[in-house]
Amino acid sequence: MPDSVSASVPLAQPTPRRAIWGLVDRRERWSLSWRGRLIVISVLLLVSVLVLKGVYPFLAITQRVNANTLVVEGWINEYAIRAAVKEFQDNRYQRVFTTGGPVEGTGGYTNDFMTSASVGADLLKKAGVPEQSLQMVPSRVMDRDRTYGSAVALRNWFRRHNMVLSGINVVTEDVHARRTRLLFQKALGKKVQVGIIAVANADYPANKWWQYSQGLKNVVSEFAAYLYARFLFFPSEPTHPGQAAPLSSVHD
């Protein structure tokens, strides 16, 4: 009897797994439940907050070392120049070196005085750094790897003048700091400690950088540039790392 009943009930036909002449497949898939979606959204929000709060102080690091030599990247703005002068005066540095390549808009290297190293030295002198303490070290590197090229030019100056250092402190602007320290360390080697001093950008507050277009641009571009320098940059010597101008060449 049961066999006859079951035989009278038609079996369900399997749903076709293909349609439109085999152009479309039907497949089972897993999807997030509302709890799963809530967890994913919460994690993404947490990561976003951590990035917003953490990426700026990560890039704009200040970490001095015990050194009597100060290096100033010549391209920095005047508010950073003033901070560099204060750093020099407060910490009794013996020498100040300015670095940098051709000024933007010149189309390339023309002479030492058309470099950011020269511009930075002039600004430091006018702001109160004694001329006898100043030394500009221009680089001829333009476009790519400018920071590394400037560091190599400085290293070569030290070698030519038999100047042995155990450490230097470098002044730069906010989010450029971590990459600057990394590239100077690559150029100078492990025997020279590289300290870094990040001067906060005067155009936007550090704790709300994402609310300003310039802050967003600076942080995003510098973070990408740091990742490149950290993991993908394998330095080779620049063709023309630069020749240092004598102290007397720091002009009025």
C-alpha atoms as a PDB file:
ATOM      1  CA  MET A   1       0.000   0.000   0.000  1.00  0.00           C
ATOM      2  CA  PRO A   2       2.665   2.610   0.853  1.00  0.00           C
ATOM      3  CA  ASP A   3       4.451   1.715  -2.325  1.00  0.00           C
ATOM      4  CA  SER A   4       1.360   2.411  -4.378  1.00  0.00           C
ATOM      5  CA  VAL A   5       0.810   5.818  -2.684  1.00  0.00           C
ATOM      6  CA  SER A   6       4.351   6.946  -3.208  1.00  0.00           C
ATOM      7  CA  ALA A   7       4.194   5.814  -6.763  1.00  0.00           C
ATOM      8  CA  SER A   8       1.155   8.025  -7.376  1.00  0.00           C
ATOM      9  CA  VAL A   9       2.919  11.225  -6.136  1.00  0.00           C
ATOM     10  CA  PRO A  10       4.889  12.853  -8.939  1.00  0.00           C
ATOM     11  CA  LEU A  11       8.547  13.568  -8.159  1.00  0.00           C
ATOM     12  CA  ALA A  12       9.702  17.209  -8.177  1.00  0.00           C
ATOM     13  CA  GLN A  13      11.615  18.079 -11.292  1.00  0.00           C
ATOM     14  CA  PRO A  14      15.096  19.560 -10.728  1.00  0.00           C
ATOM     15  CA  THR A  15      15.387  23.260 -11.539  1.00  0.00           C
ATOM     16  CA  PRO A  16      17.392  23.766 -14.711  1.00  0.00           C
ATOM     17  CA  ARG A  17      20.911  24.978 -13.927  1.00  0.00           C
ATOM     18  CA  ARG A  18      21.353  26.638 -17.310  1.00  0.00           C
ATOM     19  CA  ALA A  19      19.234  28.938 -19.392  1.00  0.00           C
ATOM     20  CA  ILE A  20      19.359  31.010 -22.551  1.00  0.00           C
ATOM     21  CA  TRP A  21      21.066  28.264 -24.478  1.00  0.00           C
ATOM     22  CA  GLY A  22      23.688  27.739 -21.795  1.00  0.00           C
ATOM     23  CA  LEU A  23      24.748  31.381 -21.535  1.00  0.00           C
ATOM     24  CA  VAL A  24      23.550  31.707 -17.923  1.00  0.00           C
ATOM     25  CA  ASP A  25      24.301  29.337 -15.030  1.00  0.00           C
ATOM     26  CA  ARG A  26      22.329  28.980 -11.834  1.00  0.00           C
ATOM     27  CA  ARG A  27      24.575  28.445  -8.819  1.00  0.00           C
ATOM     28  CA  GLU A  28      24.144  28.433  -5.081  1.00  0.00           C
ATOM     29  CA  ARG A  29      26.179  30.971  -3.114  1.00  0.00           C
ATOM     30  CA  TRP A  30      26.802  32.077   0.443  1.00  0.00           C
ATOM     31  CA  SER A  31      25.915  35.629   1.438  1.00  0.00           C
ATOM     32  CA  LEU A  32      26.326  37.639   4.589  1.00  0.00           C
ATOM     33  CA  SER A  33      23.465  37.715   7.034  1.00  0.00           C
ATOM     34  CA  TRP A  34      22.449  41.013   8.614  1.00  0.00           C
ATOM     35  CA  ARG A  35      24.695  40.153  11.549  1.00  0.00           C
ATOM     36  CA  GLY A  36      27.594  39.489   9.208  1.00  0.00           C
ATOM     37  CA  ARG A  37      27.030  42.753   7.337  1.00  0.00           C
ATOM     38  CA  LEU A  38      26.886  44.636  10.628  1.00  0.00           C
ATOM     39  CA  ILE A  39      30.221  43.152  11.729  1.00  0.00           C
ATOM     40  CA  VAL A  40      31.885  43.975   8.393  1.00  0.00           C
ATOM     41  CA  ILE A  41      30.611  47.562   8.456  1.00  0.00           C
ATOM     42  CA  SER A  42      31.764  47.980  12.064  1.00  0.00           C
ATOM     43  CA  VAL A  43      35.247  46.682  11.234  1.00  0.00           C
ATOM     44  CA  LEU A  44      35.516  48.996   8.216  1.00  0.00           C
ATOM     45  CA  LEU A  45      34.453  51.980  10.306  1.00  0.00           C
ATOM     46  CA  LEU A  46      36.982  51.090  13.000  1.00  0.00           C
ATOM     47  CA  VAL A  47      39.787  50.746  10.445  1.00  0.00           C
ATOM     48  CA  SER A  48      38.809  54.083   8.881  1.00  0.00           C
ATOM     49  CA  VAL A  49      38.941  55.839  12.242  1.00  0.00           C
ATOM     50  CA  LEU A  50      42.321  54.287  13.056  1.00  0.00           C
ATOM     51  CA  VAL A  51      43.688  55.372   9.678  1.00  0.00           C
ATOM     52  CA  LEU A  52      42.390  58.916  10.065  1.00  0.00           C
ATOM     53  CA  LYS A  53      43.856  59.171  13.546  1.00  0.00           C
ATOM     54  CA  GLY A  54      47.080  57.281  12.958  1.00  0.00           C
ATOM     55  CA  VAL A  55      48.403  57.956   9.468  1.00  0.00           C
ATOM     56  CA  TYR A  56      49.368  61.607  10.060  1.00  0.00           C
ATOM     57  CA  PRO A  57      51.456  61.032  13.225  1.00  0.00           C
ATOM     58  CA  PHE A  58      52.982  57.983  11.518  1.00  0.00           C
ATOM     59  CA  LEU A  59      54.205  60.084   8.590  1.00  0.00           C
ATOM     60  CA  ALA A  60      54.904  63.351  10.442  1.00  0.00           C
ATOM     61  CA  ILE A  61      57.330  61.804  12.888  1.00  0.00           C
ATOM     62  CA  THR A  62      59.733  63.830  15.025  1.00  0.00           C
ATOM     63  CA  GLN A  63      62.572  61.822  16.522  1.00  0.00           C
ATOM     64  CA  ARG A  64      65.832  63.607  17.220  1.00  0.00           C
ATOM     65  CA  VAL A  65      69.205  61.961  17.729  1.00  0.00           C
ATOM     66  CA  ASN A  66      72.227  63.279  19.603  1.00  0.00           C
ATOM     67  CA  ALA A  67      73.920  65.373  16.913  1.00  0.00           C
ATOM     68  CA  ASN A  68      75.622  68.735  16.438  1.00  0.00           C
ATOM     69  CA  THR A  69      74.823  68.913  12.721  1.00  0.00           C
ATOM     70  CA  LEU A  70      71.479  70.146  11.418  1.00  0.00           C
ATOM     71  CA  VAL A  71      70.268  69.486   7.874  1.00  0.00           C
ATOM     72  CA  VAL A  72      67.440  71.555   6.404  1.00  0.00           C
ATOM     73  CA  GLU A  73      65.621  70.567   3.235  1.00  0.00           C
ATOM     74  CA  GLY A  74      65.780  73.771   1.225  1.00  0.00           C
ATOM     75  CA  TRP A  75      62.356  73.484  -0.401  1.00  0.00           C
ATOM     76  CA  ILE A  76      60.414  73.920   2.858  1.00  0.00           C
ATOM     77  CA  ASN A  77      58.154  76.941   3.382  1.00  0.00           C
ATOM     78  CA  GLU A  78      59.137  79.996   5.405  1.00  0.00           C
ATOM     79  CA  TYR A  79      57.244  78.929   8.530  1.00  0.00           C
ATOM     80  CA  ALA A  80      59.329  75.748   8.516  1.00  0.00           C
ATOM     81  CA  ILE A  81      62.478  77.815   7.958  1.00  0.00           C
ATOM     82  CA  ARG A  82      61.632  79.788  11.099  1.00  0.00           C
ATOM     83  CA  ALA A  83      61.179  76.520  12.985  1.00  0.00           C
ATOM     84  CA  ALA A  84      64.581  75.359  11.700  1.00  0.00           C
ATOM     85  CA  VAL A  85      66.199  78.573  12.967  1.00  0.00           C
ATOM     86  CA  LYS A  86      64.649  78.031  16.384  1.00  0.00           C
ATOM     87  CA  GLU A  87      65.887  74.429  16.361  1.00  0.00           C
ATOM     88  CA  PHE A  88      69.395  75.676  15.561  1.00  0.00           C
ATOM     89  CA  GLN A  89      69.367  78.328  18.276  1.00  0.00           C
ATOM     90  CA  ASP A  90      67.823  76.178  20.998  1.00  0.00           C
ATOM     91  CA  ASN A  91      70.084  73.161  20.554  1.00  0.00           C
ATOM     92  CA  ARG A  92      73.505  74.683  19.826  1.00  0.00           C
ATOM     93  CA  TYR A  93      74.220  72.993  16.522  1.00  0.00           C
ATOM     94  CA  GLN A  94      77.650  73.712  15.089  1.00  0.00           C
ATOM     95  CA  ARG A  95      76.759  73.458  11.397  1.00  0.00           C
ATOM     96  CA  VAL A  96      73.657  73.786   9.252  1.00  0.00           C
ATOM     97  CA  PHE A  97      73.504  72.174   5.820  1.00  0.00           C
ATOM     98  CA  THR A  98      70.801  72.921   3.261  1.00  0.00           C
ATOM     99  CA  THR A  99      69.931  70.395   0.577  1.00  0.00           C
ATOM    100  CA  GLY A 100      67.834  70.355  -2.563  1.00  0.00           C
ATOM    101  CA  GLY A 101      67.857  70.231  -6.328  1.00  0.00           C
ATOM    102  CA  PRO A 102      66.841  72.616  -9.115  1.00  0.00           C
ATOM    103  CA  VAL A 103      64.034  75.036  -8.296  1.00  0.00           C
ATOM    104  CA  GLU A 104      60.741  73.962  -9.836  1.00  0.00           C
ATOM    105  CA  GLY A 105      60.008  75.743 -13.091  1.00  0.00           C
ATOM    106  CA  THR A 106      63.645  76.099 -14.167  1.00  0.00           C
ATOM    107  CA  GLY A 107      63.459  73.078 -16.460  1.00  0.00           C
ATOM    108  CA  GLY A 108      66.469  71.402 -14.885  1.00  0.00           C
ATOM    109  CA  TYR A 109      69.837  72.174 -13.366  1.00  0.00           C
ATOM    110  CA  THR A 110      71.412  75.440 -14.533  1.00  0.00           C
ATOM    111  CA  ASN A 111      73.645  76.475 -11.626  1.00  0.00           C
ATOM    112  CA  ASP A 112      73.972  75.990  -7.879  1.00  0.00           C
ATOM    113  CA  PHE A 113      72.165  79.216  -7.069  1.00  0.00           C
ATOM    114  CA  MET A 114      69.003  78.099  -8.863  1.00  0.00           C
ATOM    115  CA  THR A 115      68.494  75.244  -6.424  1.00  0.00           C
ATOM    116  CA  SER A 116      66.334  74.894  -3.347  1.00  0.00           C
ATOM    117  CA  ALA A 117      69.535  74.358  -1.336  1.00  0.00           C
ATOM    118  CA  SER A 118      70.585  77.908  -2.206  1.00  0.00           C
ATOM    119  CA  VAL A 119      67.104  79.322  -1.575  1.00  0.00           C
ATOM    120  CA  GLY A 120      66.948  77.608   1.806  1.00  0.00           C
ATOM    121  CA  ALA A 121      70.404  78.879   2.781  1.00  0.00           C
ATOM    122  CA  ASP A 122      69.406  82.448   1.911  1.00  0.00           C
ATOM    123  CA  LEU A 123      66.244  82.223   4.001  1.00  0.00           C
ATOM    124  CA  LEU A 124      68.109  80.759   6.969  1.00  0.00           C
ATOM    125  CA  LYS A 125      70.738  83.481   6.787  1.00  0.00           C
ATOM    126  CA  LYS A 126      68.104  86.225   6.672  1.00  0.00           C
ATOM    127  CA  ALA A 127      66.288  84.596   9.596  1.00  0.00           C
ATOM    128  CA  GLY A 128      69.351  84.718  11.825  1.00  0.00           C
ATOM    129  CA  VAL A 129      71.624  81.718  11.172  1.00  0.00           C
ATOM    130  CA  PRO A 130      75.257  82.938  11.001  1.00  0.00           C
ATOM    131  CA  GLU A 131      76.793  82.670   7.542  1.00  0.00           C
ATOM    132  CA  GLN A 132      79.859  80.885   8.901  1.00  0.00           C
ATOM    133  CA  SER A 133      77.601  78.097  10.184  1.00  0.00           C
ATOM    134  CA  LEU A 134      75.829  77.625   6.841  1.00  0.00           C
ATOM    135  CA  GLN A 135      76.735  75.278   4.020  1.00  0.00           C
ATOM    136  CA  MET A 136      74.526  74.671   1.019  1.00  0.00           C
ATOM    137  CA  VAL A 137      74.843  71.333  -0.754  1.00  0.00           C
ATOM    138  CA  PRO A 138      72.896  71.526  -4.014  1.00  0.00           C
ATOM    139  CA  SER A 139      71.861  68.480  -5.986  1.00  0.00           C
ATOM    140  CA  ARG A 140      71.350  68.248  -9.735  1.00  0.00           C
ATOM    141  CA  VAL A 141      68.654  65.614  -9.461  1.00  0.00           C
ATOM    142  CA  MET A 142      65.203  66.686 -10.610  1.00  0.00           C
ATOM    143  CA  ASP A 143      61.801  64.984 -10.872  1.00  0.00           C
ATOM    144  CA  ARG A 144      62.112  61.452  -9.462  1.00  0.00           C
ATOM    145  CA  ASP A 145      64.126  60.548  -6.360  1.00  0.00           C
ATOM    146  CA  ARG A 146      64.911  64.157  -5.486  1.00  0.00           C
ATOM    147  CA  THR A 147      65.085  63.538  -1.748  1.00  0.00           C
ATOM    148  CA  TYR A 148      67.432  60.600  -2.186  1.00  0.00           C
ATOM    149  CA  GLY A 149      69.535  62.572  -4.678  1.00  0.00           C
ATOM    150  CA  SER A 150      69.868  65.377  -2.132  1.00  0.00           C
ATOM    151  CA  ALA A 151      70.932  62.900   0.540  1.00  0.00           C
ATOM    152  CA  VAL A 152      73.556  61.407  -1.784  1.00  0.00           C
ATOM    153  CA  ALA A 153      74.933  64.877  -2.563  1.00  0.00           C
ATOM    154  CA  LEU A 154      75.249  65.514   1.177  1.00  0.00           C
ATOM    155  CA  ARG A 155      76.963  62.182   1.745  1.00  0.00           C
ATOM    156  CA  ASN A 156      79.438  62.932  -1.040  1.00  0.00           C
ATOM    157  CA  TRP A 157      80.201  66.339   0.498  1.00  0.00           C
ATOM    158  CA  PHE A 158      80.986  64.684   3.819  1.00  0.00           C
ATOM    159  CA  ARG A 159      83.305  62.229   2.080  1.00  0.00           C
ATOM    160  CA  ARG A 160      85.146  64.871   0.044  1.00  0.00           C
ATOM    161  CA  HIS A 161      85.761  66.937   3.162  1.00  0.00           C
ATOM    162  CA  ASN A 162      86.666  63.950   5.341  1.00  0.00           C
ATOM    163  CA  MET A 163      83.850  64.851   7.695  1.00  0.00           C
ATOM    164  CA  VAL A 164      82.955  61.905   9.923  1.00  0.00           C
ATOM    165  CA  LEU A 165      79.603  62.133  11.663  1.00  0.00           C
ATOM    166  CA  SER A 166      77.793  59.867  14.054  1.00  0.00           C
ATOM    167  CA  GLY A 167      74.441  61.544  13.522  1.00  0.00           C
ATOM    168  CA  ILE A 168      72.444  64.361  11.958  1.00  0.00           C
ATOM    169  CA  ASN A 169      68.994  65.840  12.491  1.00  0.00           C
ATOM    170  CA  VAL A 170      66.966  66.725   9.402  1.00  0.00           C
ATOM    171  CA  VAL A 171      64.258  69.400   9.342  1.00  0.00           C
ATOM    172  CA  THR A 172      61.415  68.919   6.875  1.00  0.00           C
ATOM    173  CA  GLU A 173      57.674  69.505   6.596  1.00  0.00           C
ATOM    174  CA  ASP A 174      55.032  67.398   8.319  1.00  0.00           C
ATOM    175  CA  VAL A 175      54.102  64.206   6.408  1.00  0.00           C
ATOM    176  CA  HIS A 176      57.303  64.204   4.367  1.00  0.00           C
ATOM    177  CA  ALA A 177      59.288  63.358   7.499  1.00  0.00           C
ATOM    178  CA  ARG A 178      59.203  59.564   7.632  1.00  0.00           C
ATOM    179  CA  ARG A 179      60.132  59.199   3.976  1.00  0.00           C
ATOM    180  CA  THR A 180      62.898  61.792   4.337  1.00  0.00           C
ATOM    181  CA  ARG A 181      64.436  59.909   7.249  1.00  0.00           C
ATOM    182  CA  LEU A 182      64.240  56.622   5.367  1.00  0.00           C
ATOM    183  CA  LEU A 183      65.930  57.978   2.235  1.00  0.00           C
ATOM    184  CA  PHE A 184      68.648  59.868   4.116  1.00  0.00           C
ATOM    185  CA  GLN A 185      69.365  56.701   6.079  1.00  0.00           C
ATOM    186  CA  LYS A 186      69.645  54.710   2.846  1.00  0.00           C
ATOM    187  CA  ALA A 187      72.101  57.251   1.443  1.00  0.00           C
ATOM    188  CA  LEU A 188      74.231  57.791   4.554  1.00  0.00           C
ATOM    189  CA  GLY A 189      74.343  54.192   5.720  1.00  0.00           C
ATOM    190  CA  LYS A 190      73.982  52.536   9.084  1.00  0.00           C
ATOM    191  CA  LYS A 191      76.975  54.245  10.690  1.00  0.00           C
ATOM    192  CA  VAL A 192      75.212  57.623  10.696  1.00  0.00           C
ATOM    193  CA  GLN A 193      72.121  58.030  12.839  1.00  0.00           C
ATOM    194  CA  VAL A 194      69.446  60.095  11.129  1.00  0.00           C
ATOM    195  CA  GLY A 195      67.088  62.055  13.332  1.00  0.00           C
ATOM    196  CA  ILE A 196      64.045  63.789  11.910  1.00  0.00           C
ATOM    197  CA  ILE A 197      62.105  66.916  12.841  1.00  0.00           C
ATOM    198  CA  ALA A 198      58.674  67.376  11.266  1.00  0.00           C
ATOM    199  CA  VAL A 199      57.366  70.938  11.193  1.00  0.00           C
ATOM    200  CA  ALA A 200      53.564  70.998  11.228  1.00  0.00           C
ATOM    201  CA  ASN A 201      51.921  72.403   8.114  1.00  0.00           C
ATOM    202  CA  ALA A 202      50.528  75.876   8.750  1.00  0.00           C
ATOM    203  CA  ASP A 203      47.765  75.460   6.167  1.00  0.00           C
ATOM    204  CA  TYR A 204      45.717  72.854   8.043  1.00  0.00           C
ATOM    205  CA  PRO A 205      45.481  71.429  11.591  1.00  0.00           C
ATOM    206  CA  ALA A 206      47.209  68.096  12.065  1.00  0.00           C
ATOM    207  CA  ASN A 207      44.232  66.538  13.850  1.00  0.00           C
ATOM    208  CA  LYS A 208      41.777  67.444  11.073  1.00  0.00           C
ATOM    209  CA  TRP A 209      43.901  67.046   7.954  1.00  0.00           C
ATOM    210  CA  TRP A 210      41.202  65.056   6.127  1.00  0.00           C
ATOM    211  CA  GLN A 211      38.859  68.061   6.192  1.00  0.00           C
ATOM    212  CA  TYR A 212      41.204  70.093   3.970  1.00  0.00           C
ATOM    213  CA  SER A 213      41.943  69.373   0.322  1.00  0.00           C
ATOM    214  CA  GLN A 214      45.638  70.160   0.756  1.00  0.00           C
ATOM    215  CA  GLY A 215      45.874  67.952   3.817  1.00  0.00           C
ATOM    216  CA  LEU A 216      44.140  65.070   2.064  1.00  0.00           C
ATOM    217  CA  LYS A 217      46.370  65.438  -0.971  1.00  0.00           C
ATOM    218  CA  ASN A 218      49.555  65.605   1.109  1.00  0.00           C
ATOM    219  CA  VAL A 219      48.767  62.640   3.339  1.00  0.00           C
ATOM    220  CA  VAL A 220      47.554  60.321   0.574  1.00  0.00           C
ATOM    221  CA  SER A 221      50.423  61.129  -1.797  1.00  0.00           C
ATOM    222  CA  GLU A 222      53.080  60.923   0.922  1.00  0.00           C
ATOM    223  CA  PHE A 223      51.758  57.633   2.261  1.00  0.00           C
ATOM    224  CA  ALA A 224      51.914  56.138  -1.234  1.00  0.00           C
ATOM    225  CA  ALA A 225      55.394  57.607  -1.752  1.00  0.00           C
ATOM    226  CA  TYR A 226      56.589  56.188   1.561  1.00  0.00           C
ATOM    227  CA  LEU A 227      55.334  52.698   0.663  1.00  0.00           C
ATOM    228  CA  TYR A 228      57.189  52.950  -2.645  1.00  0.00           C
ATOM    229  CA  ALA A 229      60.398  54.113  -0.949  1.00  0.00           C
ATOM    230  CA  ARG A 230      60.106  51.467   1.744  1.00  0.00           C
ATOM    231  CA  PHE A 231      59.332  48.406  -0.357  1.00  0.00           C
ATOM    232  CA  LEU A 232      60.005  49.150  -4.035  1.00  0.00           C
ATOM    233  CA  PHE A 233      62.889  51.629  -4.127  1.00  0.00           C
ATOM    234  CA  PHE A 234      66.286  50.051  -4.648  1.00  0.00           C
ATOM    235  CA  PRO A 235      68.618  53.037  -4.979  1.00  0.00           C
ATOM    236  CA  SER A 236      71.220  53.510  -7.629  1.00  0.00           C
ATOM    237  CA  GLU A 237      73.601  56.438  -7.643  1.00  0.00           C
ATOM    238  CA  PRO A 238      72.284  59.546  -9.443  1.00  0.00           C
ATOM    239  CA  THR A 239      74.263  60.525 -12.525  1.00  0.00           C
ATOM    240  CA  HIS A 240      74.937  64.006 -11.130  1.00  0.00           C
ATOM    241  CA  PRO A 241      74.373  63.988  -7.367  1.00  0.00           C
ATOM    242  CA  GLY A 242      75.686  67.539  -7.161  1.00  0.00           C
ATOM    243  CA  GLN A 243      78.679  69.543  -6.108  1.00  0.00           C
ATOM    244  CA  ALA A 244      78.659  71.589  -2.935  1.00  0.00           C
ATOM    245  CA  ALA A 245      79.113  75.326  -3.116  1.00  0.00           C
ATOM    246  CA  PRO A 246      81.650  76.854  -0.694  1.00  0.00           C
ATOM    247  CA  LEU A 247      80.506  78.758   2.363  1.00  0.00           C
ATOM    248  CA  SER A 248      81.334  82.074   0.705  1.00  0.00           C
ATOM    249  CA  SER A 249      78.862  81.244  -2.064  1.00  0.00           C
ATOM    250  CA  VAL A 250      75.885  81.717   0.237  1.00  0.00           C
ATOM    251  CA  HIS A 251      74.911  85.051  -1.239  1.00  0.00           C
ATOM    252  CA  ASP A 252      72.933  87.974   0.166  1.00  0.00           C
END
